[in-house]
């Protein structure tokens, strides 16, 4: 995997996705925002921050996903398990996210 990463590449590791997407969608909180991570039918992993006013529209968008997870956000925090950036060849980290 490391051979495929170039300088300034951002790597984010999320919790395991659940194949029961319907259960993940049914468990969305009534209020607040979540970071929703899903795997599309073509294998592409995506994520989006969704608040309770967008759930209905978003549910239709991801209903055919292969797997998903929803992570609650508190005060706009993000909850990946791990986030790392590959430094430039001189060892200096020049990434901004």
C-alpha atoms as a PDB file:
ATOM      1  CA  UNK A   1       0.000   0.000   0.000  1.00  0.00           C
ATOM      2  CA  UNK A   2       2.763   2.465   0.865  1.00  0.00           C
ATOM      3  CA  UNK A   3       4.225   2.173  -2.640  1.00  0.00           C
ATOM      4  CA  UNK A   4       0.984   3.614  -4.022  1.00  0.00           C
ATOM      5  CA  UNK A   5       1.158   6.722  -1.834  1.00  0.00           C
ATOM      6  CA  UNK A   6       2.940   9.865  -2.966  1.00  0.00           C
ATOM      7  CA  UNK A   7       4.211  12.859  -0.976  1.00  0.00           C
ATOM      8  CA  UNK A   8       1.444  14.774   0.807  1.00  0.00           C
ATOM      9  CA  UNK A   9      -0.951  11.852   0.486  1.00  0.00           C
ATOM     10  CA  UNK A  10      -3.577  11.803   3.230  1.00  0.00           C
ATOM     11  CA  UNK A  11      -4.487   8.384   4.576  1.00  0.00           C
ATOM     12  CA  UNK A  12      -7.579   8.018   6.749  1.00  0.00           C
ATOM     13  CA  UNK A  13      -8.544   4.755   8.447  1.00  0.00           C
ATOM     14  CA  UNK A  14     -12.176   4.337   9.495  1.00  0.00           C
ATOM     15  CA  UNK A  15     -13.905   1.684  11.642  1.00  0.00           C
ATOM     16  CA  UNK A  16     -15.153  -1.390   9.810  1.00  0.00           C
ATOM     17  CA  UNK A  17     -18.140  -0.802   7.580  1.00  0.00           C
ATOM     18  CA  UNK A  18     -21.311  -2.793   8.220  1.00  0.00           C
ATOM     19  CA  UNK A  19     -22.905  -4.626   5.279  1.00  0.00           C
ATOM     20  CA  UNK A  20     -26.383  -3.954   6.739  1.00  0.00           C
ATOM     21  CA  UNK A  21     -26.705  -0.405   5.390  1.00  0.00           C
ATOM     22  CA  UNK A  22     -30.417  -0.311   6.263  1.00  0.00           C
ATOM     23  CA  UNK A  23     -29.611  -0.850   9.937  1.00  0.00           C
ATOM     24  CA  UNK A  24     -26.973   1.910   9.853  1.00  0.00           C
ATOM     25  CA  UNK A  25     -29.478   4.307   8.285  1.00  0.00           C
ATOM     26  CA  UNK A  26     -32.206   3.308  10.776  1.00  0.00           C
ATOM     27  CA  UNK A  27     -29.853   4.024  13.676  1.00  0.00           C
ATOM     28  CA  UNK A  28     -29.082   7.616  12.654  1.00  0.00           C
ATOM     29  CA  UNK A  29     -29.703   9.950  15.602  1.00  0.00           C
ATOM     30  CA  UNK A  30     -32.875  12.063  15.574  1.00  0.00           C
ATOM     31  CA  UNK A  31     -30.852  15.248  15.969  1.00  0.00           C
ATOM     32  CA  UNK A  32     -27.324  16.275  15.212  1.00  0.00           C
ATOM     33  CA  UNK A  33     -24.721  15.434  12.622  1.00  0.00           C
ATOM     34  CA  UNK A  34     -22.897  12.260  11.697  1.00  0.00           C
ATOM     35  CA  UNK A  35     -19.922  11.466   9.533  1.00  0.00           C
ATOM     36  CA  UNK A  36     -21.277   8.807   7.198  1.00  0.00           C
ATOM     37  CA  UNK A  37     -18.793   6.496   5.471  1.00  0.00           C
ATOM     38  CA  UNK A  38     -19.981   4.111   2.760  1.00  0.00           C
ATOM     39  CA  UNK A  39     -18.772   1.770   0.064  1.00  0.00           C
ATOM     40  CA  UNK A  40     -20.560   2.167  -3.267  1.00  0.00           C
ATOM     41  CA  UNK A  41     -21.374  -0.784  -5.508  1.00  0.00           C
ATOM     42  CA  UNK A  42     -18.229  -0.046  -7.565  1.00  0.00           C
ATOM     43  CA  UNK A  43     -16.031  -0.355  -4.444  1.00  0.00           C
ATOM     44  CA  UNK A  44     -15.379   3.391  -4.051  1.00  0.00           C
ATOM     45  CA  UNK A  45     -15.255   4.522  -0.397  1.00  0.00           C
ATOM     46  CA  UNK A  46     -16.773   7.954   0.285  1.00  0.00           C
ATOM     47  CA  UNK A  47     -17.692   9.989   3.324  1.00  0.00           C
ATOM     48  CA  UNK A  48     -19.882  12.966   4.064  1.00  0.00           C
ATOM     49  CA  UNK A  49     -20.978  14.962   7.055  1.00  0.00           C
ATOM     50  CA  UNK A  50     -24.768  14.848   7.187  1.00  0.00           C
ATOM     51  CA  UNK A  51     -27.094  16.595   9.621  1.00  0.00           C
ATOM     52  CA  UNK A  52     -30.609  15.617  10.627  1.00  0.00           C
ATOM     53  CA  UNK A  53     -32.180  17.953   8.041  1.00  0.00           C
ATOM     54  CA  UNK A  54     -30.463  16.016   5.223  1.00  0.00           C
ATOM     55  CA  UNK A  55     -31.121  12.419   6.333  1.00  0.00           C
ATOM     56  CA  UNK A  56     -34.080  11.729   4.039  1.00  0.00           C
ATOM     57  CA  UNK A  57     -32.315  12.949   0.883  1.00  0.00           C
ATOM     58  CA  UNK A  58     -29.045  11.292   1.894  1.00  0.00           C
ATOM     59  CA  UNK A  59     -30.741   7.956   2.633  1.00  0.00           C
ATOM     60  CA  UNK A  60     -31.943   7.801  -0.973  1.00  0.00           C
ATOM     61  CA  UNK A  61     -28.410   8.570  -2.196  1.00  0.00           C
ATOM     62  CA  UNK A  62     -26.714   5.730  -0.282  1.00  0.00           C
ATOM     63  CA  UNK A  63     -29.501   3.133  -0.149  1.00  0.00           C
ATOM     64  CA  UNK A  64     -27.712   0.861  -2.646  1.00  0.00           C
ATOM     65  CA  UNK A  65     -24.335   1.032  -0.893  1.00  0.00           C
ATOM     66  CA  UNK A  66     -22.528  -2.253  -0.155  1.00  0.00           C
ATOM     67  CA  UNK A  67     -21.570  -1.272   3.406  1.00  0.00           C
ATOM     68  CA  UNK A  68     -21.587   1.775   5.681  1.00  0.00           C
ATOM     69  CA  UNK A  69     -20.993   3.226   9.136  1.00  0.00           C
ATOM     70  CA  UNK A  70     -22.140   6.419  10.818  1.00  0.00           C
ATOM     71  CA  UNK A  71     -20.021   8.194  13.403  1.00  0.00           C
ATOM     72  CA  UNK A  72     -21.594  10.915  15.569  1.00  0.00           C
ATOM     73  CA  UNK A  73     -19.992  14.357  15.480  1.00  0.00           C
ATOM     74  CA  UNK A  74     -19.726  16.506  18.548  1.00  0.00           C
ATOM     75  CA  UNK A  75     -18.751  20.125  18.032  1.00  0.00           C
ATOM     76  CA  UNK A  76     -17.571  19.344  14.481  1.00  0.00           C
ATOM     77  CA  UNK A  77     -15.056  16.711  15.589  1.00  0.00           C
ATOM     78  CA  UNK A  78     -14.067  13.985  13.138  1.00  0.00           C
ATOM     79  CA  UNK A  79     -13.614  10.432  14.309  1.00  0.00           C
ATOM     80  CA  UNK A  80     -11.329   8.394  12.089  1.00  0.00           C
ATOM     81  CA  UNK A  81      -9.319   5.709  13.822  1.00  0.00           C
ATOM     82  CA  UNK A  82      -6.144   7.032  12.261  1.00  0.00           C
ATOM     83  CA  UNK A  83      -5.139   9.895   9.993  1.00  0.00           C
ATOM     84  CA  UNK A  84      -1.647  10.244   8.580  1.00  0.00           C
ATOM     85  CA  UNK A  85       0.129  12.302   5.930  1.00  0.00           C
ATOM     86  CA  UNK A  86       3.192  11.182   4.004  1.00  0.00           C
ATOM     87  CA  UNK A  87       5.945  13.835   4.163  1.00  0.00           C
ATOM     88  CA  UNK A  88       7.873  15.115   1.152  1.00  0.00           C
ATOM     89  CA  UNK A  89      11.123  13.363   0.200  1.00  0.00           C
ATOM     90  CA  UNK A  90      13.126  15.797   2.377  1.00  0.00           C
ATOM     91  CA  UNK A  91      11.135  14.698   5.438  1.00  0.00           C
ATOM     92  CA  UNK A  92       9.185  17.949   5.787  1.00  0.00           C
ATOM     93  CA  UNK A  93       5.412  17.773   6.158  1.00  0.00           C
ATOM     94  CA  UNK A  94       3.852  20.340   3.839  1.00  0.00           C
ATOM     95  CA  UNK A  95       0.230  19.206   3.777  1.00  0.00           C
ATOM     96  CA  UNK A  96      -2.777  21.316   4.754  1.00  0.00           C
ATOM     97  CA  UNK A  97      -6.178  19.855   5.511  1.00  0.00           C
END
